[in-house]
C-alpha atoms as a PDB file:
ATOM      1  CA  UNK A   1     -27.217 -16.064 -23.557  1.00  0.00           C
ATOM      2  CA  UNK A   2     -25.515 -12.936 -22.195  1.00  0.00           C
ATOM      3  CA  UNK A   3     -26.623 -10.965 -19.193  1.00  0.00           C
ATOM      4  CA  UNK A   4     -28.049  -7.521 -19.792  1.00  0.00           C
ATOM      5  CA  UNK A   5     -28.261  -4.616 -17.363  1.00  0.00           C
ATOM      6  CA  UNK A   6     -31.878  -5.502 -16.531  1.00  0.00           C
ATOM      7  CA  UNK A   7     -30.696  -8.949 -15.392  1.00  0.00           C
ATOM      8  CA  UNK A   8     -28.009  -7.425 -13.143  1.00  0.00           C
ATOM      9  CA  UNK A   9     -29.764  -4.403 -11.674  1.00  0.00           C
ATOM     10  CA  UNK A  10     -31.625  -5.635  -8.610  1.00  0.00           C
ATOM     11  CA  UNK A  11     -30.965  -9.207  -9.674  1.00  0.00           C
ATOM     12  CA  UNK A  12     -29.272 -12.177  -8.100  1.00  0.00           C
ATOM     13  CA  UNK A  13     -25.743 -11.051  -8.965  1.00  0.00           C
ATOM     14  CA  UNK A  14     -26.257  -7.631  -7.404  1.00  0.00           C
ATOM     15  CA  UNK A  15     -27.886  -9.116  -4.289  1.00  0.00           C
ATOM     16  CA  UNK A  16     -25.032 -11.599  -3.831  1.00  0.00           C
ATOM     17  CA  UNK A  17     -22.413  -8.871  -4.280  1.00  0.00           C
ATOM     18  CA  UNK A  18     -24.157  -6.528  -1.864  1.00  0.00           C
ATOM     19  CA  UNK A  19     -24.764  -9.263   0.727  1.00  0.00           C
ATOM     20  CA  UNK A  20     -21.149 -10.464   0.552  1.00  0.00           C
ATOM     21  CA  UNK A  21     -19.921  -6.911   1.099  1.00  0.00           C
ATOM     22  CA  UNK A  22     -22.292  -6.604   4.030  1.00  0.00           C
ATOM     23  CA  UNK A  23     -20.766  -9.712   5.606  1.00  0.00           C
ATOM     24  CA  UNK A  24     -17.291  -8.323   4.991  1.00  0.00           C
ATOM     25  CA  UNK A  25     -18.238  -5.046   6.684  1.00  0.00           C
ATOM     26  CA  UNK A  26     -19.632  -6.982   9.635  1.00  0.00           C
ATOM     27  CA  UNK A  27     -16.365  -8.946   9.911  1.00  0.00           C
ATOM     28  CA  UNK A  28     -14.603  -5.594  10.392  1.00  0.00           C
ATOM     29  CA  UNK A  29     -16.983  -4.490  13.153  1.00  0.00           C
ATOM     30  CA  UNK A  30     -19.334  -2.390  11.057  1.00  0.00           C
ATOM     31  CA  UNK A  31     -23.071  -2.722  10.608  1.00  0.00           C
ATOM     32  CA  UNK A  32     -23.943  -5.180   7.861  1.00  0.00           C
ATOM     33  CA  UNK A  33     -26.482  -2.852   6.237  1.00  0.00           C
ATOM     34  CA  UNK A  34     -23.960  -0.010   6.281  1.00  0.00           C
ATOM     35  CA  UNK A  35     -21.669  -2.171   4.172  1.00  0.00           C
ATOM     36  CA  UNK A  36     -24.558  -3.241   1.966  1.00  0.00           C
ATOM     37  CA  UNK A  37     -25.456   0.408   1.306  1.00  0.00           C
ATOM     38  CA  UNK A  38     -21.875   1.183   0.302  1.00  0.00           C
ATOM     39  CA  UNK A  39     -21.762  -1.899  -1.931  1.00  0.00           C
ATOM     40  CA  UNK A  40     -24.980  -0.934  -3.651  1.00  0.00           C
ATOM     41  CA  UNK A  41     -23.774   2.606  -4.362  1.00  0.00           C
ATOM     42  CA  UNK A  42     -20.523   1.122  -5.687  1.00  0.00           C
ATOM     43  CA  UNK A  43     -22.082  -1.464  -7.975  1.00  0.00           C
ATOM     44  CA  UNK A  44     -25.178   0.411  -9.168  1.00  0.00           C
ATOM     45  CA  UNK A  45     -24.922   1.320 -12.831  1.00  0.00           C
ATOM     46  CA  UNK A  46     -27.191   4.328 -12.334  1.00  0.00           C
ATOM     47  CA  UNK A  47     -27.124   7.014  -9.616  1.00  0.00           C
ATOM     48  CA  UNK A  48     -29.117   6.141  -6.501  1.00  0.00           C
ATOM     49  CA  UNK A  49     -30.912   8.352  -4.018  1.00  0.00           C
ATOM     50  CA  UNK A  50     -32.125   7.436  -0.526  1.00  0.00           C
ATOM     51  CA  UNK A  51     -35.364   5.938  -1.882  1.00  0.00           C
ATOM     52  CA  UNK A  52     -33.429   3.806  -4.383  1.00  0.00           C
ATOM     53  CA  UNK A  53     -31.043   2.568  -1.699  1.00  0.00           C
ATOM     54  CA  UNK A  54     -33.940   1.700   0.622  1.00  0.00           C
ATOM     55  CA  UNK A  55     -35.891  -0.083  -2.094  1.00  0.00           C
ATOM     56  CA  UNK A  56     -32.989  -2.091  -3.477  1.00  0.00           C
ATOM     57  CA  UNK A  57     -31.787  -3.123  -0.006  1.00  0.00           C
ATOM     58  CA  UNK A  58     -35.262  -3.776   1.363  1.00  0.00           C
ATOM     59  CA  UNK A  59     -34.745  -1.480   4.346  1.00  0.00           C
ATOM     60  CA  UNK A  60     -36.669   1.526   5.617  1.00  0.00           C
ATOM     61  CA  UNK A  61     -36.084   4.942   4.099  1.00  0.00           C
ATOM     62  CA  UNK A  62     -34.974   6.238   7.505  1.00  0.00           C
ATOM     63  CA  UNK A  63     -32.363   3.476   7.788  1.00  0.00           C
ATOM     64  CA  UNK A  64     -31.155   4.026   4.221  1.00  0.00           C
ATOM     65  CA  UNK A  65     -30.796   7.761   4.860  1.00  0.00           C
ATOM     66  CA  UNK A  66     -28.913   7.122   8.106  1.00  0.00           C
ATOM     67  CA  UNK A  67     -26.520   4.606   6.504  1.00  0.00           C
ATOM     68  CA  UNK A  68     -25.781   6.806   3.510  1.00  0.00           C
ATOM     69  CA  UNK A  69     -25.271   9.819   5.797  1.00  0.00           C
ATOM     70  CA  UNK A  70     -22.781   7.801   7.836  1.00  0.00           C
ATOM     71  CA  UNK A  71     -20.944   6.793   4.658  1.00  0.00           C
ATOM     72  CA  UNK A  72     -20.812  10.456   3.616  1.00  0.00           C
ATOM     73  CA  UNK A  73     -19.470  11.353   7.077  1.00  0.00           C
ATOM     74  CA  UNK A  74     -16.748   8.691   6.718  1.00  0.00           C
ATOM     75  CA  UNK A  75     -15.820  10.264   3.385  1.00  0.00           C
ATOM     76  CA  UNK A  76     -16.366   7.114   1.321  1.00  0.00           C
ATOM     77  CA  UNK A  77     -19.576   8.294  -0.377  1.00  0.00           C
ATOM     78  CA  UNK A  78     -20.252  11.739  -1.750  1.00  0.00           C
ATOM     79  CA  UNK A  79     -23.578  13.371  -2.431  1.00  0.00           C
ATOM     80  CA  UNK A  80     -24.201  14.705  -5.926  1.00  0.00           C
ATOM     81  CA  UNK A  81     -27.399  16.754  -5.725  1.00  0.00           C
ATOM     82  CA  UNK A  82     -29.926  14.096  -4.596  1.00  0.00           C
ATOM     83  CA  UNK A  83     -27.902  11.010  -5.558  1.00  0.00           C
ATOM     84  CA  UNK A  84     -24.775   9.328  -4.227  1.00  0.00           C
ATOM     85  CA  UNK A  85     -21.492   8.116  -5.670  1.00  0.00           C
ATOM     86  CA  UNK A  86     -18.385   6.385  -4.398  1.00  0.00           C
ATOM     87  CA  UNK A  87     -14.882   5.988  -5.752  1.00  0.00           C
ATOM     88  CA  UNK A  88     -14.436   2.977  -7.981  1.00  0.00           C
ATOM     89  CA  UNK A  89     -10.975   2.242  -6.558  1.00  0.00           C
ATOM     90  CA  UNK A  90     -11.455   0.218  -3.354  1.00  0.00           C
ATOM     91  CA  UNK A  91      -8.062   1.372  -2.048  1.00  0.00           C
ATOM     92  CA  UNK A  92      -9.289   4.965  -1.876  1.00  0.00           C
ATOM     93  CA  UNK A  93     -12.165   4.248   0.475  1.00  0.00           C
ATOM     94  CA  UNK A  94     -10.277   1.515   2.335  1.00  0.00           C
ATOM     95  CA  UNK A  95      -7.641   4.074   3.277  1.00  0.00           C
ATOM     96  CA  UNK A  96     -10.299   6.674   4.158  1.00  0.00           C
ATOM     97  CA  UNK A  97     -11.990   4.163   6.478  1.00  0.00           C
ATOM     98  CA  UNK A  98      -8.635   3.147   7.931  1.00  0.00           C
ATOM     99  CA  UNK A  99      -7.728   6.795   8.598  1.00  0.00           C
ATOM    100  CA  UNK A 100     -11.066   7.512  10.218  1.00  0.00           C
ATOM    101  CA  UNK A 101     -11.035   4.398  12.395  1.00  0.00           C
ATOM    102  CA  UNK A 102      -7.423   5.075  13.336  1.00  0.00           C
ATOM    103  CA  UNK A 103      -8.316   8.580  14.486  1.00  0.00           C
ATOM    104  CA  UNK A 104     -11.676   7.792  16.130  1.00  0.00           C
ATOM    105  CA  UNK A 105     -11.014   4.413  17.694  1.00  0.00           C
ATOM    106  CA  UNK A 106      -7.413   3.253  17.585  1.00  0.00           C
ATOM    107  CA  UNK A 107      -5.794   6.509  18.708  1.00  0.00           C
ATOM    108  CA  UNK A 108      -7.797   6.821  21.937  1.00  0.00           C
ATOM    109  CA  UNK A 109      -7.127   3.156  22.769  1.00  0.00           C
ATOM    110  CA  UNK A 110      -3.397   3.689  22.308  1.00  0.00           C
ATOM    111  CA  UNK A 111      -3.496   6.773  24.562  1.00  0.00           C
ATOM    112  CA  UNK A 112      -5.322   4.779  27.253  1.00  0.00           C
ATOM    113  CA  UNK A 113      -2.795   1.948  27.005  1.00  0.00           C
ATOM    114  CA  UNK A 114       0.100   4.381  27.384  1.00  0.00           C
ATOM    115  CA  UNK A 115      -1.563   5.885  30.481  1.00  0.00           C
ATOM    116  CA  UNK A 116      -2.009   2.426  31.980  1.00  0.00           C
ATOM    117  CA  UNK A 117       1.628   1.602  31.284  1.00  0.00           C
ATOM    118  CA  UNK A 118       2.765   4.900  32.834  1.00  0.00           C
ATOM    119  CA  UNK A 119       0.612   4.308  35.921  1.00  0.00           C
ATOM    120  CA  UNK A 120       2.128   0.868  36.390  1.00  0.00           C
ATOM    121  CA  UNK A 121       5.642   2.273  36.098  1.00  0.00           C
ATOM    122  CA  UNK A 122       4.855   4.923  38.734  1.00  0.00           C
ATOM    123  CA  UNK A 123       3.926   2.239  41.266  1.00  0.00           C
ATOM    124  CA  UNK A 124       6.563   1.552  43.883  1.00  0.00           C
ATOM    125  CA  UNK A 125       7.771  -1.894  44.553  1.00  0.00           C
ATOM    126  CA  UNK A 126       9.813  -4.686  43.186  1.00  0.00           C
ATOM    127  CA  UNK A 127       7.067  -7.235  43.635  1.00  0.00           C
ATOM    128  CA  UNK A 128       7.573  -9.995  41.005  1.00  0.00           C
ATOM    129  CA  UNK A 129       3.890  -9.868  40.074  1.00  0.00           C
ATOM    130  CA  UNK A 130       4.081  -6.098  39.483  1.00  0.00           C
ATOM    131  CA  UNK A 131       7.269  -6.522  37.413  1.00  0.00           C
ATOM    132  CA  UNK A 132       5.544  -9.148  35.300  1.00  0.00           C
ATOM    133  CA  UNK A 133       2.472  -6.969  34.841  1.00  0.00           C
ATOM    134  CA  UNK A 134       4.733  -4.092  33.743  1.00  0.00           C
ATOM    135  CA  UNK A 135       6.554  -6.381  31.303  1.00  0.00           C
ATOM    136  CA  UNK A 136       3.330  -7.614  29.746  1.00  0.00           C
ATOM    137  CA  UNK A 137       1.850  -4.129  29.553  1.00  0.00           C
ATOM    138  CA  UNK A 138       5.055  -2.803  27.971  1.00  0.00           C
ATOM    139  CA  UNK A 139       5.047  -5.638  25.453  1.00  0.00           C
ATOM    140  CA  UNK A 140       1.437  -5.118  24.383  1.00  0.00           C
ATOM    141  CA  UNK A 141       1.741  -1.327  24.302  1.00  0.00           C
ATOM    142  CA  UNK A 142       4.835  -1.622  22.080  1.00  0.00           C
ATOM    143  CA  UNK A 143       2.916  -3.943  19.748  1.00  0.00           C
ATOM    144  CA  UNK A 144       0.019  -1.471  19.485  1.00  0.00           C
ATOM    145  CA  UNK A 145       2.475   1.405  18.898  1.00  0.00           C
ATOM    146  CA  UNK A 146       4.108  -0.582  16.092  1.00  0.00           C
ATOM    147  CA  UNK A 147       0.685  -1.320  14.620  1.00  0.00           C
ATOM    148  CA  UNK A 148      -0.224   2.383  14.798  1.00  0.00           C
ATOM    149  CA  UNK A 149       3.026   3.214  12.986  1.00  0.00           C
ATOM    150  CA  UNK A 150       2.168   0.656  10.286  1.00  0.00           C
ATOM    151  CA  UNK A 151      -1.304   2.147   9.837  1.00  0.00           C
ATOM    152  CA  UNK A 152       0.213   5.619   9.551  1.00  0.00           C
ATOM    153  CA  UNK A 153       2.664   4.301   6.930  1.00  0.00           C
ATOM    154  CA  UNK A 154      -0.248   2.817   4.931  1.00  0.00           C
ATOM    155  CA  UNK A 155      -1.970   6.190   5.018  1.00  0.00           C
ATOM    156  CA  UNK A 156       1.166   8.111   3.985  1.00  0.00           C
ATOM    157  CA  UNK A 157       1.855   5.757   1.066  1.00  0.00           C
ATOM    158  CA  UNK A 158      -1.587   6.167  -0.454  1.00  0.00           C
ATOM    159  CA  UNK A 159      -3.593   3.786  -2.583  1.00  0.00           C
ATOM    160  CA  UNK A 160      -1.298   3.023  -5.533  1.00  0.00           C
ATOM    161  CA  UNK A 161       1.934   2.420  -3.596  1.00  0.00           C
ATOM    162  CA  UNK A 162       0.009   0.546  -0.887  1.00  0.00           C
ATOM    163  CA  UNK A 163      -1.580  -1.773  -3.457  1.00  0.00           C
ATOM    164  CA  UNK A 164       1.851  -2.427  -4.982  1.00  0.00           C
ATOM    165  CA  UNK A 165       3.355  -3.169  -1.550  1.00  0.00           C
ATOM    166  CA  UNK A 166       0.542  -5.598  -0.726  1.00  0.00           C
ATOM    167  CA  UNK A 167       0.924  -7.434  -4.058  1.00  0.00           C
ATOM    168  CA  UNK A 168       4.688  -7.674  -3.560  1.00  0.00           C
ATOM    169  CA  UNK A 169       4.370  -8.963   0.012  1.00  0.00           C
ATOM    170  CA  UNK A 170       1.750 -11.486  -1.107  1.00  0.00           C
ATOM    171  CA  UNK A 171       4.172 -12.922  -3.684  1.00  0.00           C
ATOM    172  CA  UNK A 172       6.718 -13.712  -1.002  1.00  0.00           C
ATOM    173  CA  UNK A 173       4.378 -14.746   1.793  1.00  0.00           C
ATOM    174  CA  UNK A 174       4.353 -18.452   2.565  1.00  0.00           C
ATOM    175  CA  UNK A 175       1.224 -20.238   1.418  1.00  0.00           C
ATOM    176  CA  UNK A 176      -0.739 -22.292   3.919  1.00  0.00           C
END
């Protein structure tokens, strides 16, 4: 017996999908229900408004409105009149989230690390402990700079080339 849309909408498959996405969002430092709201908008076969999001997720209307507004602010959900939509290509919103987090969170951390490194290099002295602290700070700052450059490359490549690069790298990566 085949599944019909009534079986999927609000059913066990949708709940599992939405809950798994929520756990994935949480693993990346986001609120679980924020991820669940995005997942629901992605998987819903019909347009959803705030009331629909709240009802299907079992959360308050105020929370649903706040989560969807945050998703709109991140650029991964767009408002169409009173309903919401998201791109069906996960790479599009992955790169939007990456760009936003890079700008909001990663960039300021990198600036702070560079300031710390500069302050250490301005300190007088040839104390072995200070030299070692400088070496370690230099090493970590260089790593974060390289990571920032990699993120910026991901963003410049865009979704299709990035997906192709990831598939190619995965083919050659050693398996555990």
